[in-house]
Amino acid sequence: MKNLIIVFLFACIPFSCFSQDNTKKDEEKSEMKPSKNDDGEWDLTVIDTQFDYFLNAVAKPMSQYSESYLKTKNTFLVTEWNSYYNSGKYRNIIESGIDYNPQENYGIKFEYKLYQVFAYVRWKYGLKMNGLTGSDAVR
């Protein structure tokens, strides 16, 4: 019986030595995706404790922007952001791509919040993006 167990263990050793492929075959990229909240409005969740402070104390108020202005800026900035993400540039700052469809009507609240994400990254990390000037987002 002991010999049978030993033979079984030796037979299992080669199977345990095969390398395991932990990478996903369909590599899923991390993306920030807009979602609808309970009221049916588009929303974007930003997980950074200082972002709310930035929105309330540093960022220009929403009333200073038109929805069309924000949509135009966001379309350009999202393209630039995703370009940085896909190339690996600023990897320590940009950890995900942004799923944004300029044809979608997200509403001014969402467009404002997305635009302020770019302004926040500039304010906090000093990342200068071509589509965002310093006076665009900070009081």
N, C-alpha and C. Protein backbone atom coordinates (compact mmCIF):
# COMPACT_ATOMS: atom_id res chain seq x y z
N MET A 1 0.81 -1.18 0.00
CA MET A 1 0.00 0.00 0.00
C MET A 1 0.86 1.26 0.00
N LYS A 2 1.95 1.23 0.81
CA LYS A 2 2.85 2.38 0.84
C LYS A 2 3.45 2.63 -0.53
N ASN A 3 3.84 1.56 -1.19
CA ASN A 3 4.43 1.70 -2.52
C ASN A 3 3.44 2.32 -3.50
N LEU A 4 2.18 1.96 -3.38
CA LEU A 4 1.15 2.49 -4.27
C LEU A 4 0.98 4.00 -4.06
N ILE A 5 0.99 4.44 -2.82
CA ILE A 5 0.87 5.87 -2.50
C ILE A 5 2.10 6.62 -3.02
N ILE A 6 3.28 6.07 -2.83
CA ILE A 6 4.51 6.71 -3.30
C ILE A 6 4.51 6.82 -4.81
N VAL A 7 4.09 5.77 -5.49
CA VAL A 7 4.02 5.80 -6.96
C VAL A 7 3.01 6.86 -7.41
N PHE A 8 1.88 6.94 -6.72
CA PHE A 8 0.87 7.94 -7.06
C PHE A 8 1.42 9.36 -6.89
N LEU A 9 2.13 9.61 -5.78
CA LEU A 9 2.71 10.93 -5.54
C LEU A 9 3.74 11.29 -6.61
N PHE A 10 4.58 10.33 -6.97
CA PHE A 10 5.57 10.59 -8.02
C PHE A 10 4.91 10.83 -9.38
N ALA A 11 3.80 10.19 -9.60
CA ALA A 11 3.08 10.39 -10.86
C ALA A 11 2.45 11.78 -10.91
N CYS A 12 2.11 12.35 -9.78
CA CYS A 12 1.48 13.68 -9.73
C CYS A 12 2.49 14.82 -9.81
N ILE A 13 3.75 14.57 -9.47
CA ILE A 13 4.77 15.62 -9.46
C ILE A 13 4.91 16.32 -10.81
N PRO A 14 4.98 15.63 -11.93
CA PRO A 14 5.13 16.34 -13.20
C PRO A 14 3.97 17.30 -13.50
N PHE A 15 2.78 16.94 -13.07
CA PHE A 15 1.63 17.82 -13.31
C PHE A 15 1.72 19.10 -12.49
N SER A 16 2.33 19.01 -11.33
CA SER A 16 2.44 20.20 -10.49
C SER A 16 3.57 21.12 -10.95
N CYS A 17 4.44 20.62 -11.81
CA CYS A 17 5.56 21.43 -12.28
C CYS A 17 5.22 22.27 -13.51
N PHE A 18 4.11 21.97 -14.17
CA PHE A 18 3.74 22.77 -15.33
C PHE A 18 3.47 24.19 -14.90
N SER A 19 3.95 25.13 -15.69
CA SER A 19 3.70 26.52 -15.34
C SER A 19 2.23 26.83 -15.56
N GLN A 20 1.72 27.65 -14.71
CA GLN A 20 0.33 28.04 -14.82
C GLN A 20 0.27 29.39 -15.49
N ASP A 21 -0.62 29.52 -16.46
CA ASP A 21 -0.79 30.78 -17.16
C ASP A 21 -1.87 31.59 -16.45
N ASN A 22 -1.42 32.57 -15.68
CA ASN A 22 -2.37 33.39 -14.93
C ASN A 22 -2.87 34.58 -15.73
N THR A 23 -2.34 34.81 -16.91
CA THR A 23 -2.81 35.93 -17.71
C THR A 23 -4.11 35.54 -18.40
N LYS A 24 -4.97 36.51 -18.57
CA LYS A 24 -6.24 36.26 -19.22
C LYS A 24 -6.03 36.25 -20.72
N LYS A 25 -6.69 35.34 -21.40
CA LYS A 25 -6.52 35.27 -22.85
C LYS A 25 -7.08 36.50 -23.52
N ASP A 26 -8.24 36.93 -23.10
CA ASP A 26 -8.81 38.18 -23.60
C ASP A 26 -8.45 39.23 -22.57
N GLU A 27 -7.31 39.84 -22.76
CA GLU A 27 -6.80 40.77 -21.77
C GLU A 27 -7.80 41.89 -21.56
N GLU A 28 -8.31 41.96 -20.34
CA GLU A 28 -9.26 43.01 -20.02
C GLU A 28 -8.48 44.22 -19.54
N LYS A 29 -8.73 45.33 -20.16
CA LYS A 29 -8.09 46.56 -19.74
C LYS A 29 -8.97 47.23 -18.71
N SER A 30 -8.33 47.85 -17.75
CA SER A 30 -9.07 48.58 -16.75
C SER A 30 -9.58 49.87 -17.38
N GLU A 31 -10.88 50.10 -17.25
CA GLU A 31 -11.46 51.30 -17.82
C GLU A 31 -12.43 51.94 -16.85
N MET A 32 -12.44 53.28 -16.86
CA MET A 32 -13.48 54.01 -16.16
C MET A 32 -14.66 54.06 -17.11
N LYS A 33 -15.80 53.57 -16.65
CA LYS A 33 -16.97 53.56 -17.51
C LYS A 33 -18.07 54.38 -16.88
N PRO A 34 -18.72 55.20 -17.68
CA PRO A 34 -19.86 55.93 -17.15
C PRO A 34 -20.98 54.95 -16.84
N SER A 35 -21.74 55.24 -15.82
CA SER A 35 -22.88 54.39 -15.47
C SER A 35 -24.04 55.29 -15.06
N LYS A 36 -25.22 54.75 -15.15
CA LYS A 36 -26.40 55.52 -14.75
C LYS A 36 -26.67 55.28 -13.27
N ASN A 37 -27.00 56.37 -12.58
CA ASN A 37 -27.33 56.23 -11.16
C ASN A 37 -28.81 55.89 -11.00
N ASP A 38 -29.31 55.88 -9.77
CA ASP A 38 -30.69 55.52 -9.49
C ASP A 38 -31.69 56.47 -10.14
N ASP A 39 -31.29 57.72 -10.37
CA ASP A 39 -32.17 58.71 -10.99
C ASP A 39 -32.15 58.64 -12.50
N GLY A 40 -31.35 57.73 -13.06
CA GLY A 40 -31.26 57.60 -14.50
C GLY A 40 -30.29 58.57 -15.14
N GLU A 41 -29.53 59.31 -14.33
CA GLU A 41 -28.53 60.25 -14.85
C GLU A 41 -27.18 59.54 -14.92
N TRP A 42 -26.37 59.95 -15.88
CA TRP A 42 -25.02 59.39 -16.01
C TRP A 42 -24.17 59.88 -14.86
N ASP A 43 -23.31 58.99 -14.36
CA ASP A 43 -22.44 59.35 -13.25
C ASP A 43 -21.07 58.71 -13.45
N LEU A 44 -20.08 59.29 -12.84
CA LEU A 44 -18.71 58.81 -12.90
C LEU A 44 -18.20 58.76 -11.47
N THR A 45 -17.72 57.60 -11.06
CA THR A 45 -17.21 57.45 -9.70
C THR A 45 -15.71 57.67 -9.69
N VAL A 46 -15.28 58.60 -8.86
CA VAL A 46 -13.85 58.89 -8.71
C VAL A 46 -13.46 58.48 -7.30
N ILE A 47 -12.53 57.55 -7.22
CA ILE A 47 -12.11 57.04 -5.92
C ILE A 47 -10.82 57.72 -5.52
N ASP A 48 -10.96 58.90 -5.00
CA ASP A 48 -9.82 59.66 -4.48
C ASP A 48 -10.39 60.62 -3.45
N THR A 49 -9.87 60.57 -2.27
CA THR A 49 -10.43 61.36 -1.17
C THR A 49 -10.33 62.85 -1.41
N GLN A 50 -9.35 63.31 -2.16
CA GLN A 50 -9.18 64.74 -2.38
C GLN A 50 -10.01 65.28 -3.54
N PHE A 51 -10.63 64.41 -4.35
CA PHE A 51 -11.37 64.87 -5.51
C PHE A 51 -12.57 65.71 -5.11
N ASP A 52 -13.30 65.30 -4.09
CA ASP A 52 -14.46 66.10 -3.63
C ASP A 52 -14.01 67.47 -3.13
N TYR A 53 -12.90 67.50 -2.41
CA TYR A 53 -12.35 68.80 -1.97
C TYR A 53 -12.04 69.66 -3.18
N PHE A 54 -11.40 69.08 -4.18
CA PHE A 54 -11.05 69.80 -5.39
C PHE A 54 -12.30 70.38 -6.05
N LEU A 55 -13.35 69.57 -6.19
CA LEU A 55 -14.58 70.04 -6.83
C LEU A 55 -15.20 71.21 -6.08
N ASN A 56 -15.19 71.14 -4.76
CA ASN A 56 -15.86 72.16 -3.94
C ASN A 56 -15.02 73.40 -3.68
N ALA A 57 -13.72 73.28 -3.62
CA ALA A 57 -12.89 74.41 -3.20
C ALA A 57 -11.98 74.97 -4.28
N VAL A 58 -11.61 74.18 -5.28
CA VAL A 58 -10.60 74.61 -6.24
C VAL A 58 -11.18 74.80 -7.64
N ALA A 59 -11.99 73.88 -8.08
CA ALA A 59 -12.50 73.89 -9.46
C ALA A 59 -13.46 75.05 -9.70
N LYS A 60 -13.48 75.53 -10.94
CA LYS A 60 -14.47 76.54 -11.32
C LYS A 60 -15.86 75.93 -11.21
N PRO A 61 -16.85 76.72 -10.87
CA PRO A 61 -18.20 76.17 -10.75
C PRO A 61 -18.77 75.73 -12.11
N MET A 62 -19.70 74.81 -12.08
CA MET A 62 -20.30 74.27 -13.29
C MET A 62 -20.98 75.36 -14.13
N SER A 63 -21.49 76.39 -13.48
CA SER A 63 -22.20 77.46 -14.18
C SER A 63 -21.30 78.23 -15.15
N GLN A 64 -20.00 78.08 -15.05
CA GLN A 64 -19.07 78.80 -15.91
C GLN A 64 -18.83 78.08 -17.24
N TYR A 65 -19.46 76.92 -17.43
CA TYR A 65 -19.24 76.13 -18.64
C TYR A 65 -20.57 75.85 -19.33
N SER A 66 -20.49 75.68 -20.64
CA SER A 66 -21.65 75.19 -21.37
C SER A 66 -21.43 73.70 -21.62
N GLU A 67 -22.51 72.97 -21.82
CA GLU A 67 -22.40 71.54 -22.06
C GLU A 67 -21.63 71.26 -23.34
N SER A 68 -21.85 72.05 -24.38
CA SER A 68 -21.15 71.82 -25.65
C SER A 68 -19.65 72.06 -25.50
N TYR A 69 -19.26 73.07 -24.71
CA TYR A 69 -17.84 73.34 -24.46
C TYR A 69 -17.20 72.14 -23.76
N LEU A 70 -17.87 71.64 -22.72
CA LEU A 70 -17.34 70.51 -21.96
C LEU A 70 -17.25 69.26 -22.81
N LYS A 71 -18.26 69.00 -23.64
CA LYS A 71 -18.27 67.82 -24.50
C LYS A 71 -17.11 67.88 -25.49
N THR A 72 -16.88 69.05 -26.08
CA THR A 72 -15.77 69.22 -27.02
C THR A 72 -14.44 68.98 -26.33
N LYS A 73 -14.26 69.59 -25.17
CA LYS A 73 -13.01 69.42 -24.41
C LYS A 73 -12.82 67.96 -23.98
N ASN A 74 -13.90 67.35 -23.47
CA ASN A 74 -13.80 65.96 -23.00
C ASN A 74 -13.46 65.00 -24.12
N THR A 75 -14.01 65.23 -25.30
CA THR A 75 -13.71 64.35 -26.44
C THR A 75 -12.22 64.37 -26.73
N PHE A 76 -11.63 65.55 -26.74
CA PHE A 76 -10.20 65.68 -27.00
C PHE A 76 -9.38 65.11 -25.84
N LEU A 77 -9.76 65.44 -24.62
CA LEU A 77 -9.00 65.00 -23.45
C LEU A 77 -9.06 63.49 -23.24
N VAL A 78 -10.22 62.88 -23.50
CA VAL A 78 -10.33 61.43 -23.35
C VAL A 78 -9.42 60.74 -24.36
N THR A 79 -9.38 61.26 -25.58
CA THR A 79 -8.50 60.68 -26.61
C THR A 79 -7.04 60.76 -26.16
N GLU A 80 -6.66 61.91 -25.65
CA GLU A 80 -5.29 62.08 -25.17
C GLU A 80 -5.00 61.17 -23.97
N TRP A 81 -5.93 61.10 -23.04
CA TRP A 81 -5.79 60.26 -21.84
C TRP A 81 -5.62 58.80 -22.24
N ASN A 82 -6.51 58.30 -23.12
CA ASN A 82 -6.44 56.90 -23.55
C ASN A 82 -5.17 56.61 -24.33
N SER A 83 -4.67 57.59 -25.05
CA SER A 83 -3.41 57.44 -25.75
C SER A 83 -2.26 57.24 -24.75
N TYR A 84 -2.26 58.03 -23.70
CA TYR A 84 -1.26 57.87 -22.65
C TYR A 84 -1.40 56.51 -21.97
N TYR A 85 -2.64 56.12 -21.68
CA TYR A 85 -2.87 54.84 -21.01
C TYR A 85 -2.40 53.68 -21.88
N ASN A 86 -2.76 53.66 -23.14
CA ASN A 86 -2.41 52.56 -24.04
C ASN A 86 -0.91 52.49 -24.30
N SER A 87 -0.23 53.62 -24.27
CA SER A 87 1.21 53.63 -24.50
C SER A 87 2.01 53.34 -23.23
N GLY A 88 1.35 53.42 -22.08
CA GLY A 88 2.04 53.20 -20.82
C GLY A 88 2.72 54.45 -20.28
N LYS A 89 2.51 55.56 -20.96
CA LYS A 89 3.09 56.82 -20.52
C LYS A 89 2.35 57.29 -19.26
N TYR A 90 3.06 57.82 -18.32
CA TYR A 90 2.50 58.27 -17.04
C TYR A 90 1.80 57.13 -16.31
N ARG A 91 2.38 55.96 -16.36
CA ARG A 91 1.79 54.76 -15.76
C ARG A 91 1.51 54.94 -14.28
N ASN A 92 2.31 55.74 -13.60
CA ASN A 92 2.10 55.94 -12.16
C ASN A 92 0.91 56.85 -11.86
N ILE A 93 0.40 57.55 -12.89
CA ILE A 93 -0.75 58.45 -12.70
C ILE A 93 -1.99 57.87 -13.37
N ILE A 94 -1.86 57.45 -14.60
CA ILE A 94 -3.00 56.97 -15.39
C ILE A 94 -3.08 55.45 -15.28
N GLU A 95 -4.02 54.98 -14.49
CA GLU A 95 -4.14 53.55 -14.21
C GLU A 95 -5.27 52.88 -14.97
N SER A 96 -6.06 53.66 -15.70
CA SER A 96 -7.16 53.06 -16.46
C SER A 96 -7.51 53.94 -17.65
N GLY A 97 -8.09 53.31 -18.65
CA GLY A 97 -8.61 54.05 -19.78
C GLY A 97 -9.99 54.59 -19.45
N ILE A 98 -10.53 55.41 -20.34
CA ILE A 98 -11.86 55.97 -20.13
C ILE A 98 -12.73 55.57 -21.30
N ASP A 99 -13.86 54.94 -21.00
CA ASP A 99 -14.83 54.55 -22.01
C ASP A 99 -15.81 55.71 -22.17
N TYR A 100 -15.64 56.48 -23.22
CA TYR A 100 -16.45 57.69 -23.44
C TYR A 100 -16.89 57.73 -24.89
N ASN A 101 -18.17 57.92 -25.10
CA ASN A 101 -18.73 57.99 -26.44
C ASN A 101 -19.24 59.42 -26.67
N PRO A 102 -18.58 60.20 -27.52
CA PRO A 102 -19.00 61.59 -27.73
C PRO A 102 -20.40 61.71 -28.35
N GLN A 103 -20.91 60.62 -28.91
CA GLN A 103 -22.26 60.65 -29.50
C GLN A 103 -23.35 60.55 -28.43
N GLU A 104 -22.97 60.09 -27.24
CA GLU A 104 -23.93 59.90 -26.15
C GLU A 104 -24.22 61.23 -25.47
N ASN A 105 -25.47 61.43 -25.06
CA ASN A 105 -25.85 62.63 -24.33
C ASN A 105 -25.76 62.31 -22.83
N TYR A 106 -24.63 62.64 -22.24
CA TYR A 106 -24.40 62.34 -20.83
C TYR A 106 -25.00 63.38 -19.90
N GLY A 107 -25.18 64.58 -20.37
CA GLY A 107 -25.69 65.65 -19.52
C GLY A 107 -24.55 66.49 -18.96
N ILE A 108 -24.88 67.70 -18.58
CA ILE A 108 -23.84 68.65 -18.16
C ILE A 108 -23.16 68.23 -16.86
N LYS A 109 -23.89 67.61 -15.93
CA LYS A 109 -23.26 67.20 -14.66
C LYS A 109 -22.14 66.19 -14.90
N PHE A 110 -22.42 65.21 -15.76
CA PHE A 110 -21.40 64.21 -16.06
C PHE A 110 -20.23 64.83 -16.81
N GLU A 111 -20.53 65.63 -17.83
CA GLU A 111 -19.47 66.26 -18.63
C GLU A 111 -18.58 67.13 -17.74
N TYR A 112 -19.20 67.85 -16.81
CA TYR A 112 -18.45 68.70 -15.88
C TYR A 112 -17.55 67.85 -15.00
N LYS A 113 -18.09 66.77 -14.44
CA LYS A 113 -17.31 65.93 -13.54
C LYS A 113 -16.14 65.28 -14.27
N LEU A 114 -16.39 64.80 -15.48
CA LEU A 114 -15.30 64.20 -16.26
C LEU A 114 -14.22 65.22 -16.57
N TYR A 115 -14.63 66.41 -16.97
CA TYR A 115 -13.67 67.47 -17.26
C TYR A 115 -12.84 67.80 -16.02
N GLN A 116 -13.49 67.81 -14.87
CA GLN A 116 -12.78 68.12 -13.64
C GLN A 116 -11.83 67.00 -13.21
N VAL A 117 -12.06 65.78 -13.68
CA VAL A 117 -11.09 64.70 -13.43
C VAL A 117 -9.75 65.07 -14.06
N PHE A 118 -9.80 65.57 -15.29
CA PHE A 118 -8.56 65.97 -15.97
C PHE A 118 -7.92 67.16 -15.26
N ALA A 119 -8.75 68.12 -14.85
CA ALA A 119 -8.22 69.28 -14.12
C ALA A 119 -7.63 68.86 -12.79
N TYR A 120 -8.25 67.90 -12.13
CA TYR A 120 -7.76 67.41 -10.85
C TYR A 120 -6.40 66.74 -11.00
N VAL A 121 -6.25 65.94 -12.03
CA VAL A 121 -4.97 65.26 -12.26
C VAL A 121 -3.88 66.29 -12.53
N ARG A 122 -4.22 67.35 -13.23
CA ARG A 122 -3.24 68.42 -13.45
C ARG A 122 -2.90 69.11 -12.13
N TRP A 123 -3.93 69.41 -11.34
CA TRP A 123 -3.75 70.11 -10.07
C TRP A 123 -2.95 69.27 -9.08
N LYS A 124 -3.29 67.99 -8.96
CA LYS A 124 -2.65 67.14 -7.95
C LYS A 124 -1.28 66.62 -8.38
N TYR A 125 -1.16 66.19 -9.65
CA TYR A 125 0.07 65.53 -10.10
C TYR A 125 0.90 66.38 -11.05
N GLY A 126 0.37 67.49 -11.51
CA GLY A 126 1.10 68.34 -12.44
C GLY A 126 1.14 67.81 -13.86
N LEU A 127 0.25 66.88 -14.20
CA LEU A 127 0.21 66.32 -15.56
C LEU A 127 -0.45 67.31 -16.49
N LYS A 128 0.34 67.83 -17.41
CA LYS A 128 -0.18 68.81 -18.37
C LYS A 128 -0.67 68.08 -19.61
N MET A 129 -1.93 68.31 -19.93
CA MET A 129 -2.52 67.70 -21.12
C MET A 129 -2.77 68.81 -22.13
N ASN A 130 -2.59 68.49 -23.40
CA ASN A 130 -2.71 69.50 -24.45
C ASN A 130 -4.10 70.14 -24.51
N GLY A 131 -5.13 69.40 -24.16
CA GLY A 131 -6.49 69.92 -24.24
C GLY A 131 -6.94 70.69 -23.03
N LEU A 132 -6.07 70.89 -22.06
CA LEU A 132 -6.44 71.55 -20.82
C LEU A 132 -5.43 72.64 -20.50
N THR A 133 -5.93 73.86 -20.44
CA THR A 133 -5.05 74.96 -20.05
C THR A 133 -5.21 75.21 -18.56
N GLY A 134 -4.25 75.85 -17.95
CA GLY A 134 -4.27 76.08 -16.52
C GLY A 134 -5.45 76.92 -16.07
N SER A 135 -5.87 77.86 -16.87
CA SER A 135 -6.98 78.74 -16.45
C SER A 135 -8.34 78.10 -16.72
N ASP A 136 -8.36 76.98 -17.44
CA ASP A 136 -9.63 76.33 -17.77
C ASP A 136 -10.37 75.80 -16.55
N ALA A 137 -9.67 75.30 -15.60
CA ALA A 137 -10.34 74.52 -14.57
C ALA A 137 -10.17 75.02 -13.14
N VAL A 138 -9.25 75.89 -12.90
CA VAL A 138 -8.96 76.32 -11.53
C VAL A 138 -9.36 77.77 -11.35
N ARG A 139 -10.02 78.03 -10.23
CA ARG A 139 -10.51 79.39 -9.93
C ARG A 139 -9.40 80.40 -9.89
